[in-house]
Protein backbone atom coordinates (compact mmCIF):
# COMPACT_ATOMS: atom_id res chain seq x y z
CA MET A 1 3.06 -69.89 -229.83
CA SER A 2 1.39 -68.03 -226.97
CA LEU A 3 -0.54 -65.91 -229.50
CA ALA A 4 -1.62 -68.80 -231.71
CA GLY A 5 -5.17 -68.90 -230.33
CA CYS A 6 -5.72 -65.16 -230.41
CA SER A 7 -8.08 -63.44 -232.82
CA GLY A 8 -8.20 -59.75 -233.63
CA VAL A 9 -5.54 -57.69 -235.36
CA LEU A 10 -3.42 -60.82 -235.88
CA ASP A 11 -6.36 -62.60 -237.56
CA PRO A 12 -7.25 -60.17 -240.38
CA GLN A 13 -10.46 -60.70 -242.34
CA GLY A 14 -10.33 -57.67 -244.61
CA PRO A 15 -7.93 -55.60 -246.73
CA VAL A 16 -7.43 -52.89 -244.10
CA SER A 17 -6.63 -55.28 -241.26
CA LEU A 18 -4.38 -57.32 -243.56
CA SER A 19 -2.36 -54.18 -244.39
CA GLU A 20 -2.11 -53.32 -240.70
CA LYS A 21 -0.84 -56.82 -239.90
CA LEU A 22 1.80 -56.45 -242.63
CA ILE A 23 2.96 -53.15 -241.10
CA LEU A 24 3.22 -54.78 -237.66
CA PHE A 25 5.25 -57.72 -238.97
CA ASP A 26 7.51 -55.52 -241.10
CA SER A 27 8.18 -53.29 -238.07
CA LEU A 28 8.90 -56.34 -235.91
CA ALA A 29 11.34 -57.73 -238.48
CA ILE A 30 13.20 -54.41 -238.73
CA MET A 31 13.48 -54.05 -234.95
CA LEU A 32 14.72 -57.63 -234.63
CA VAL A 33 17.68 -56.58 -236.78
CA ILE A 34 18.88 -54.74 -233.65
CA VAL A 35 17.43 -56.98 -230.96
CA VAL A 36 18.77 -60.34 -232.16
CA PRO A 37 22.39 -59.24 -232.85
CA THR A 38 22.42 -57.37 -229.52
CA ILE A 39 21.38 -60.48 -227.60
CA ILE A 40 23.92 -62.61 -229.49
CA ALA A 41 26.67 -60.01 -228.94
CA THR A 42 25.87 -59.78 -225.22
CA LEU A 43 26.19 -63.55 -224.79
CA ALA A 44 29.30 -63.68 -227.00
CA PHE A 45 31.06 -60.87 -225.11
CA ALA A 46 30.22 -62.40 -221.75
CA TRP A 47 31.67 -65.73 -222.89
CA TRP A 48 34.76 -64.28 -224.61
CA PHE A 49 35.75 -61.93 -221.80
CA ARG A 50 35.26 -64.47 -219.05
CA ALA A 51 37.96 -64.52 -216.38
CA SER A 52 39.41 -67.85 -217.54
CA ASN A 53 39.98 -66.75 -221.16
CA VAL A 54 43.62 -65.69 -221.32
CA ARG A 55 43.33 -64.83 -225.04
CA ALA A 56 40.92 -61.93 -224.40
CA ARG A 57 42.80 -58.63 -224.60
CA TYR A 58 42.52 -56.32 -221.63
CA GLN A 59 42.58 -52.67 -222.74
CA PRO A 60 41.86 -50.41 -219.75
CA TYR A 61 42.93 -47.24 -221.59
CA TRP A 62 40.94 -47.83 -224.81
CA ALA A 63 38.92 -44.67 -225.69
CA PHE A 64 37.86 -44.46 -229.35
CA SER A 65 37.26 -46.53 -232.48
CA GLY A 66 36.00 -44.91 -235.68
CA THR A 67 34.81 -48.25 -237.04
CA LEU A 68 32.85 -49.01 -233.87
CA GLU A 69 31.33 -45.52 -233.83
CA LEU A 70 30.20 -45.98 -237.44
CA ILE A 71 28.52 -49.28 -236.61
CA VAL A 72 26.92 -47.95 -233.42
CA TRP A 73 25.36 -44.95 -235.20
CA ALA A 74 24.67 -46.44 -238.65
CA ILE A 75 22.44 -49.28 -237.46
CA PRO A 76 19.97 -47.10 -235.47
CA VAL A 77 19.85 -44.57 -238.31
CA LEU A 78 18.99 -47.31 -240.80
CA VAL A 79 16.35 -48.76 -238.47
CA ILE A 80 14.72 -45.38 -237.91
CA THR A 81 14.79 -44.71 -241.66
CA PHE A 82 13.10 -48.02 -242.48
CA LEU A 83 10.55 -47.73 -239.66
CA GLY A 84 9.78 -44.14 -240.62
CA GLY A 85 9.30 -45.13 -244.24
CA ILE A 86 6.94 -47.96 -243.33
CA ALA A 87 4.95 -45.70 -241.01
CA TRP A 88 4.80 -42.92 -243.61
CA PHE A 89 3.72 -44.97 -246.61
CA GLY A 90 1.57 -47.32 -244.52
CA SER A 91 -0.35 -44.53 -242.81
CA HIS A 92 -1.06 -42.77 -246.12
CA ALA A 93 -2.17 -46.02 -247.72
CA LEU A 94 -4.58 -46.60 -244.82
CA ASP A 95 -5.95 -43.05 -244.67
CA PRO A 96 -9.51 -43.54 -243.31
CA TYR A 97 -10.81 -40.86 -245.69
CA VAL A 98 -9.58 -42.79 -248.73
CA ALA A 99 -12.12 -45.15 -250.31
CA LEU A 100 -11.24 -48.82 -250.71
CA PRO A 101 -10.69 -49.90 -254.32
CA SER A 102 -13.69 -51.84 -255.58
CA LYS A 103 -15.90 -52.18 -258.64
CA GLU A 104 -18.98 -52.19 -256.40
CA LYS A 105 -20.59 -49.16 -254.80
CA PRO A 106 -19.81 -48.99 -251.07
CA ILE A 107 -22.54 -49.53 -248.49
CA GLU A 108 -23.17 -46.30 -246.55
CA VAL A 109 -23.53 -46.61 -242.77
CA GLU A 110 -23.93 -43.75 -240.30
CA VAL A 111 -22.71 -44.53 -236.78
CA VAL A 112 -23.70 -42.77 -233.55
CA SER A 113 -22.04 -43.77 -230.27
CA LEU A 114 -24.51 -43.44 -227.40
CA ASP A 115 -24.37 -44.08 -223.66
CA TRP A 116 -23.78 -47.04 -223.74
CA LYS A 117 -24.67 -48.55 -227.08
CA TRP A 118 -24.11 -48.18 -230.83
CA LEU A 119 -26.63 -46.91 -233.36
CA PHE A 120 -26.10 -47.87 -237.01
CA ILE A 121 -28.14 -46.10 -239.67
CA TYR A 122 -28.36 -47.28 -243.29
CA PRO A 123 -29.33 -43.97 -245.02
CA ASP A 124 -29.81 -45.46 -248.49
CA ASP A 125 -32.17 -48.14 -247.17
CA HIS A 126 -33.84 -46.05 -244.42
CA VAL A 127 -33.33 -48.62 -241.67
CA ALA A 128 -31.30 -48.65 -238.46
CA THR A 129 -29.99 -51.12 -235.91
CA VAL A 130 -28.75 -50.97 -232.34
CA ASN A 131 -25.73 -53.02 -231.23
CA GLN A 132 -25.64 -55.08 -234.42
CA LEU A 133 -24.19 -54.40 -237.84
CA VAL A 134 -25.01 -56.47 -240.92
CA ILE A 135 -22.92 -55.95 -244.07
CA PRO A 136 -22.40 -57.80 -247.36
CA ALA A 137 -19.14 -59.75 -247.56
CA GLY A 138 -16.68 -58.67 -250.23
CA ARG A 139 -18.13 -55.16 -250.54
CA PRO A 140 -16.66 -51.97 -249.03
CA VAL A 141 -18.56 -50.20 -246.28
CA HIS A 142 -18.15 -46.44 -245.86
CA PHE A 143 -18.81 -45.29 -242.29
CA LYS A 144 -19.64 -41.76 -241.15
CA LEU A 145 -19.32 -41.51 -237.39
CA THR A 146 -20.28 -39.12 -234.62
CA SER A 147 -21.10 -39.19 -230.91
CA SER A 148 -24.19 -38.19 -228.96
CA GLY A 149 -21.99 -36.83 -226.16
CA VAL A 150 -18.65 -38.01 -224.83
CA MET A 151 -15.84 -39.16 -227.12
CA ASN A 152 -15.82 -42.82 -228.01
CA SER A 153 -13.93 -45.17 -230.32
CA PHE A 154 -15.31 -47.52 -233.00
CA PHE A 155 -13.18 -50.65 -233.44
CA VAL A 156 -13.64 -53.97 -235.24
CA PRO A 157 -10.20 -55.60 -234.72
CA GLN A 158 -10.49 -58.23 -237.46
CA LEU A 159 -11.58 -55.69 -240.08
CA GLY A 160 -9.25 -52.79 -239.39
CA SER A 161 -8.61 -49.37 -237.98
CA GLN A 162 -10.28 -47.95 -234.92
CA ILE A 163 -11.53 -44.39 -235.22
CA TYR A 164 -12.83 -41.89 -232.72
CA THR A 165 -16.35 -40.50 -232.53
CA MET A 166 -16.84 -36.97 -231.16
CA ALA A 167 -19.88 -34.80 -230.59
CA SER A 168 -20.61 -32.16 -233.25
CA MET A 169 -17.94 -33.71 -235.48
CA THR A 170 -17.94 -36.33 -238.22
CA SER A 171 -15.17 -38.85 -238.83
CA GLN A 172 -14.97 -41.41 -241.61
CA VAL A 173 -13.50 -44.84 -242.25
CA SER A 174 -13.88 -47.54 -244.91
CA LEU A 175 -13.75 -51.23 -244.03
CA GLN A 176 -14.50 -54.50 -245.76
CA ALA A 177 -15.03 -58.11 -244.72
CA ASP A 178 -13.61 -60.48 -247.32
CA GLN A 179 -15.46 -63.56 -246.11
CA PRO A 180 -18.85 -64.20 -244.47
CA GLY A 181 -18.63 -64.48 -240.72
CA THR A 182 -19.30 -62.77 -237.41
CA TYR A 183 -16.67 -60.33 -236.19
CA PRO A 184 -16.79 -58.73 -232.73
CA GLY A 185 -16.79 -54.95 -232.46
CA LEU A 186 -16.26 -52.81 -229.39
CA SER A 187 -15.62 -49.40 -227.97
CA ALA A 188 -11.89 -48.78 -227.49
CA GLN A 189 -12.34 -45.56 -225.50
CA PHE A 190 -13.48 -45.43 -221.87
CA SER A 191 -16.75 -43.49 -221.82
CA GLY A 192 -18.28 -44.02 -218.42
CA GLU A 193 -20.04 -46.56 -216.24
CA GLY A 194 -21.53 -48.71 -219.02
CA PHE A 195 -18.44 -48.66 -221.26
CA SER A 196 -17.68 -52.38 -220.79
CA ASP A 197 -21.03 -53.32 -222.35
CA MET A 198 -20.51 -51.38 -225.59
CA HIS A 199 -20.02 -54.48 -227.72
CA PHE A 200 -21.61 -55.33 -231.04
CA ASP A 201 -21.37 -58.06 -233.67
CA VAL A 202 -20.57 -57.40 -237.30
CA ARG A 203 -22.31 -60.04 -239.42
CA ALA A 204 -20.86 -60.30 -242.91
CA VAL A 205 -23.25 -62.22 -245.15
CA ALA A 206 -23.65 -63.00 -248.83
CA SER A 207 -25.21 -60.31 -251.02
CA ASP A 208 -28.54 -62.12 -251.41
CA GLN A 209 -28.75 -62.71 -247.66
CA PHE A 210 -28.04 -59.03 -247.05
CA ALA A 211 -30.91 -58.06 -249.37
CA GLN A 212 -33.22 -60.49 -247.55
CA TRP A 213 -32.19 -59.05 -244.19
CA LEU A 214 -32.90 -55.50 -245.38
CA ALA A 215 -36.34 -56.55 -246.61
CA SER A 216 -37.16 -58.20 -243.28
CA VAL A 217 -36.10 -55.12 -241.31
CA GLN A 218 -38.05 -52.75 -243.58
CA GLY A 219 -41.15 -54.89 -243.14
CA SER A 220 -41.40 -54.68 -239.36
CA GLY A 221 -40.28 -52.73 -236.33
CA PRO A 222 -40.68 -49.21 -234.94
CA VAL A 223 -39.80 -45.92 -236.61
CA LEU A 224 -36.68 -44.01 -235.54
CA ASP A 225 -37.74 -40.38 -235.49
CA LYS A 226 -36.51 -37.57 -233.25
CA ALA A 227 -38.74 -38.60 -230.35
CA ALA A 228 -37.58 -42.22 -230.57
CA TYR A 229 -33.97 -41.08 -230.77
CA ASP A 230 -34.33 -38.94 -227.62
CA GLU A 231 -35.58 -42.02 -225.80
CA LEU A 232 -32.81 -44.20 -227.22
CA ALA A 233 -30.14 -41.64 -226.27
CA LYS A 234 -30.91 -41.96 -222.56
CA PRO A 235 -28.06 -43.81 -220.76
CA SER A 236 -28.68 -47.56 -220.56
CA LYS A 237 -26.63 -50.73 -220.15
CA ASN A 238 -26.63 -54.20 -221.72
CA VAL A 239 -28.98 -53.09 -224.49
CA PRO A 240 -30.04 -56.08 -226.64
CA PRO A 241 -29.78 -55.80 -230.43
CA SER A 242 -32.81 -54.22 -232.11
CA THR A 243 -33.87 -52.76 -235.45
CA TYR A 244 -35.88 -49.82 -236.81
CA SER A 245 -37.91 -50.18 -239.99
CA ASN A 246 -37.76 -46.50 -240.96
CA VAL A 247 -35.44 -43.62 -240.07
CA ASP A 248 -35.80 -39.86 -240.23
CA PRO A 249 -33.47 -39.02 -243.19
CA LYS A 250 -32.09 -35.95 -241.37
CA LEU A 251 -31.48 -37.72 -238.06
CA PHE A 252 -27.71 -38.17 -238.37
CA ASP A 253 -27.17 -34.59 -239.52
CA ASP A 254 -29.30 -33.34 -236.63
CA VAL A 255 -27.20 -35.36 -234.17
CA VAL A 256 -24.00 -33.86 -235.59
CA ALA A 257 -25.47 -30.35 -235.50
CA GLY A 258 -26.55 -30.80 -231.87
CA ASP A 259 -30.23 -30.18 -232.68
CA LEU A 260 -31.34 -33.23 -230.68
CA ASN A 261 -31.39 -33.73 -226.95
CA ARG A 262 -28.23 -35.16 -225.49
CA PRO A 263 -28.17 -37.21 -222.30
CA GLY A 264 -28.75 -34.97 -219.32
CA ILE A 265 -29.06 -31.81 -221.47
CA GLU A 266 -32.33 -30.25 -222.48
CA GLY A 267 -32.48 -29.10 -226.08
CA GLY A 268 -28.98 -30.18 -227.11
CA HIS A 269 -27.31 -26.95 -228.32
CA GLY A 270 -23.98 -28.66 -228.94
CA GLY A 271 -23.77 -30.06 -225.41
CA GLN A 272 -23.87 -26.72 -223.54
CA ASP A 273 -26.34 -25.80 -220.84
CA THR A 274 -28.27 -22.55 -221.30
CA PRO A 275 -26.63 -19.90 -219.08
CA PRO A 276 -28.83 -18.25 -216.43
CA ALA A 277 -30.25 -14.84 -217.20
CA ALA A 278 -28.24 -11.87 -215.96
CA THR A 279 -29.52 -10.13 -212.83
CA LYS A 280 -28.95 -6.66 -211.41
CA GLU A 281 -27.65 -5.91 -207.97
CA PRO A 282 -30.33 -4.24 -205.83
C-alpha cells in the first residue's frame, strides 16, 4: 500500500520495464517461500515452547536429525536454484545489445552525457536536442551512448534498463514506450556538482506527431557542428531544453574517438593532458 502512488520501475510503460518488473515480482515470490514460513515457524515455536505448555518436550541432549538437516539445506538450495535461473534467463532476455522484436525499423538515437546535461542526436534525421527526447510510441528506439568525460548513467525508469556512458567507449540499449506519454529520465550515476540537474523528459507521441516534430526542428534552430559542440560541452547547470536543426554527421564518432575538446582539456586526445617536453639537466 505504501508503494501504491509510486511511479518508475513498478509502473512499466514498455516491454523492457515490464520484463524487469516480472523478474522483481518472481524473485520476491520465491524469497517469500522462505520468509513467510520462517516468520510463521518463529511465532509457532515461541507459542508451543512457552513455559506454561507442559506438553512441549524438553530435549536438552538432542544433537542431530537427518530429516531436519534435509529440510534446512534443501529449501535454500531450491531458492538459490530458482533465483539463479530467473537471473540467468532474465538477464539474457534483456541483453541491451539485443534488438527488441518489432516489424518496424527502430529509431536511431545517439546519446552523449555532458557536464551536466544530455545531448540526443538523431543521425538519420540530422537533428539534435538537449535535455529532451521525443520518440514515437509503439516503436523501438536503439540508443548508442557515450560520455564527453566522466562516467554517467542513462536511466528512464518507466521504460527500462539503465546503462552507463563512458568516455571513448560506446554502449547500447534498446527501449520502447508502448503508449504516448511523458516519462522522466535522469542520470543514475553521481558525476559532479551539477549531477542533480541532469534530468530530461522522454515524450512518446504518435507517429504522425513525431514526423511533425521532426519537420519543425529541421526548419529552425542553430547548427550543431564541432564549434557549437565545444561550447555546449562546457560545464553548465539547469540547462533548458533546446534543439539543433542540423548536426555534423561525424560528431558522435568524433566524441567517441576523443577528437573534440573535453571540458577543461585542450584538444581532447582521449581525456589526457599533453605531457611537458623533456628537459636536460644543466
